[in-house]
Amino acid sequence: MTNDEIKALIDRSLFASIGYTDESERQNIRRVFCVWHKGIGTHLISTNTSSSHVQSLMNNGKACLYFSDDTTFEAVCLYGRANISFDRKYRELLWNEGDEKYYPKGIDDEDYCIIEFISESGRYYRYDGKADLTADNIAEFDKIYEFENGYSITHR
C-alpha cells in the first residue's frame, strides 16, 4: 500500500476509532467523526471538552487512530499523541452549521474543543499484505499538505 493509497483510505473515511488509556488504566476505544486531515499524519476531531475521552487524553495523550474500509479490506492504525486544542483557528475550521445545538455558546463554547492527533508511526493492512509507517516516512509525505476535509474531496 503506497502513502497515496493510505491517504485515499483516510480521506474516504467518515469515522475513525481512537484508542486511549483512561485514569483507571483501562483501554478504551471511541468512534469519532474525523474528516479533517493534513496528509496521513495529523488529524483533527471536534468533540466535547467534558467527555470522558477528552479528560483521559488531557492526562495521558498517548493514543492510536484507526481508519478502515471494510469493503476493500484496508486499514491503517496510527500511533501517536492526541493534544486537546482550544485554538480558534481549528474551532472555526471544524465548525458546521447546526453545531450550536451541541455548543449553545457557539465557537467559543468552553465545552467545544478539538483533538489534534499527531502520528509518530503506524501500520497498514490490506488483503495483499501489511507494513509499518515510520515517523520519517509520514513527515516526508505530509510536508506538502495543509489541512483539508478529505471526505469532501472524495465525496463531491
Protein backbone atom coordinates (compact mmCIF):
# COMPACT_ATOMS: atom_id res chain seq x y z
CA MET A 1 0.00 0.00 0.00
CA THR A 2 1.52 3.32 -1.00
CA ASN A 3 1.24 6.52 1.04
CA ASP A 4 -1.12 7.89 -1.63
CA GLU A 5 -3.35 4.82 -1.17
CA ILE A 6 -3.25 5.25 2.61
CA LYS A 7 -4.24 8.92 2.21
CA ALA A 8 -7.10 7.90 -0.09
CA LEU A 9 -8.33 5.41 2.52
CA ILE A 10 -8.20 8.08 5.25
CA ASP A 11 -9.86 10.68 3.00
CA ARG A 12 -12.81 8.49 2.11
CA SER A 13 -13.41 7.51 5.73
CA LEU A 14 -16.07 9.39 7.61
CA PHE A 15 -15.22 7.96 11.02
CA ALA A 16 -12.15 6.70 12.84
CA SER A 17 -11.69 4.84 16.10
CA ILE A 18 -9.49 6.47 18.71
CA GLY A 19 -7.86 4.26 21.31
CA TYR A 20 -6.54 5.56 24.63
CA THR A 21 -5.96 4.61 28.27
CA ASP A 22 -8.20 6.09 30.95
CA GLU A 23 -7.30 7.11 34.52
CA SER A 24 -8.02 3.57 35.78
CA GLU A 25 -5.53 2.15 33.23
CA ARG A 26 -8.36 0.64 31.19
CA GLN A 27 -8.04 0.53 27.42
CA ASN A 28 -10.84 2.42 25.64
CA ILE A 29 -12.00 2.97 22.08
CA ARG A 30 -14.33 5.70 20.83
CA ARG A 31 -15.73 6.08 17.35
CA VAL A 32 -15.22 9.68 16.21
CA PHE A 33 -16.22 11.77 13.22
CA CYS A 34 -12.85 12.51 11.60
CA VAL A 35 -12.64 14.12 8.17
CA TRP A 36 -10.02 16.87 8.60
CA HIS A 37 -6.52 15.66 7.75
CA LYS A 38 -3.08 17.00 6.97
CA GLY A 39 -1.67 14.24 4.78
CA ILE A 40 -1.65 10.96 6.67
CA GLY A 41 -0.05 12.10 9.91
CA THR A 42 -2.20 14.81 11.50
CA HIS A 43 -5.94 14.67 12.09
CA LEU A 44 -8.49 17.00 13.71
CA ILE A 45 -11.57 15.81 15.62
CA SER A 46 -14.18 18.10 17.18
CA THR A 47 -15.72 16.94 20.45
CA ASN A 48 -16.94 17.94 23.90
CA THR A 49 -14.37 19.08 26.43
CA SER A 50 -16.45 17.43 29.16
CA SER A 51 -16.41 13.99 27.51
CA SER A 52 -14.57 11.21 29.32
CA HIS A 53 -12.20 10.53 26.42
CA VAL A 54 -11.06 14.17 26.33
CA GLN A 55 -10.48 14.16 30.09
CA SER A 56 -8.43 10.97 29.77
CA LEU A 57 -6.44 12.34 26.82
CA MET A 58 -5.66 15.52 28.77
CA ASN A 59 -4.00 13.31 31.41
CA ASN A 60 -2.34 10.89 29.01
CA GLY A 61 -2.15 11.92 25.38
CA LYS A 62 -0.80 8.62 24.07
CA ALA A 63 -3.35 7.28 21.62
CA CYS A 64 -3.95 5.47 18.37
CA LEU A 65 -6.27 6.31 15.49
CA TYR A 66 -7.67 3.57 13.25
CA PHE A 67 -9.20 4.11 9.80
CA SER A 68 -10.67 1.23 7.81
CA ASP A 69 -12.66 0.32 4.74
CA ASP A 70 -14.40 -2.99 5.27
CA THR A 71 -15.48 -3.22 1.63
CA THR A 72 -11.89 -3.24 0.36
CA PHE A 73 -10.30 -4.90 3.42
CA GLU A 74 -7.91 -2.00 4.03
CA ALA A 75 -6.96 -0.32 7.30
CA VAL A 76 -4.31 1.87 8.86
CA CYS A 77 -3.58 2.21 12.56
CA LEU A 78 -1.64 5.32 13.51
CA TYR A 79 0.19 5.57 16.83
CA GLY A 80 0.95 8.93 18.39
CA ARG A 81 -0.24 11.73 20.57
CA ALA A 82 -3.61 13.41 20.99
CA ASN A 83 -3.40 17.06 22.02
CA ILE A 84 -6.50 18.90 23.20
CA SER A 85 -6.75 22.27 21.46
CA PHE A 86 -8.93 25.30 22.05
CA ASP A 87 -7.28 27.17 19.17
CA ARG A 88 -9.92 29.32 17.49
CA LYS A 89 -8.41 28.59 14.07
CA TYR A 90 -9.14 24.87 14.49
CA ARG A 91 -12.55 25.53 16.06
CA GLU A 92 -13.59 27.67 13.08
CA LEU A 93 -12.24 25.14 10.59
CA LEU A 94 -14.31 22.29 12.04
CA TRP A 95 -17.44 24.30 12.90
CA ASN A 96 -20.55 23.30 10.95
CA GLU A 97 -23.97 24.86 10.68
CA GLY A 98 -26.10 23.19 13.34
CA ASP A 99 -23.23 22.68 15.82
CA GLU A 100 -24.88 25.24 18.11
CA LYS A 101 -27.30 22.52 19.22
CA TYR A 102 -24.30 20.82 20.85
CA TYR A 103 -22.44 24.02 21.75
CA PRO A 104 -25.07 26.70 22.57
CA LYS A 105 -22.43 29.39 23.16
CA GLY A 106 -21.08 28.93 19.63
CA ILE A 107 -17.48 28.54 18.56
CA ASP A 108 -16.21 29.88 21.88
CA ASP A 109 -18.27 27.45 23.98
CA GLU A 110 -15.98 26.08 26.71
CA ASP A 111 -17.35 22.58 26.05
CA TYR A 112 -16.14 22.70 22.41
CA CYS A 113 -12.60 21.52 21.76
CA ILE A 114 -10.53 19.89 19.05
CA ILE A 115 -8.43 16.78 19.37
CA GLU A 116 -5.30 17.19 17.28
CA PHE A 117 -3.91 13.72 16.68
CA ILE A 118 -0.28 13.64 15.56
CA SER A 119 1.10 10.33 14.29
CA GLU A 120 4.51 9.08 15.33
CA SER A 121 4.27 5.78 13.46
CA GLY A 122 1.72 3.42 12.02
CA ARG A 123 0.88 0.10 10.47
CA TYR A 124 -1.30 -0.56 7.47
CA TYR A 125 -3.12 -3.69 6.47
CA ARG A 126 -4.58 -4.80 3.18
CA TYR A 127 -5.59 -8.04 1.50
CA ASP A 128 -2.16 -8.17 -0.13
CA GLY A 129 -0.03 -7.53 2.94
CA LYS A 130 0.92 -5.24 5.78
CA ALA A 131 3.81 -2.96 6.68
CA ASP A 132 4.93 -0.25 9.08
CA LEU A 133 4.98 3.50 8.67
CA THR A 134 7.83 5.40 10.32
CA ALA A 135 7.82 8.94 11.65
CA ASP A 136 10.26 9.94 8.89
CA ASN A 137 8.07 8.37 6.19
CA ILE A 138 4.97 10.18 7.49
CA ALA A 139 6.77 13.53 7.84
CA GLU A 140 8.27 13.34 4.35
CA PHE A 141 4.89 12.55 2.78
CA ASP A 142 2.98 15.16 4.79
CA LYS A 143 5.26 18.16 4.18
CA ILE A 144 3.33 19.26 1.07
CA TYR A 145 -0.11 19.13 2.72
CA GLU A 146 -2.30 21.61 4.58
CA PHE A 147 -5.45 20.67 6.47
CA GLU A 148 -8.26 19.62 4.17
CA ASN A 149 -11.61 17.93 4.51
CA GLY A 150 -10.78 14.57 2.97
CA TYR A 151 -14.36 13.40 2.90
CA SER A 152 -15.44 16.45 0.88
CA ILE A 153 -12.66 15.74 -1.61
CA THR A 154 -13.67 12.12 -2.17
CA HIS A 155 -17.48 12.54 -1.95
CA ARG A 156 -18.26 15.56 -4.13
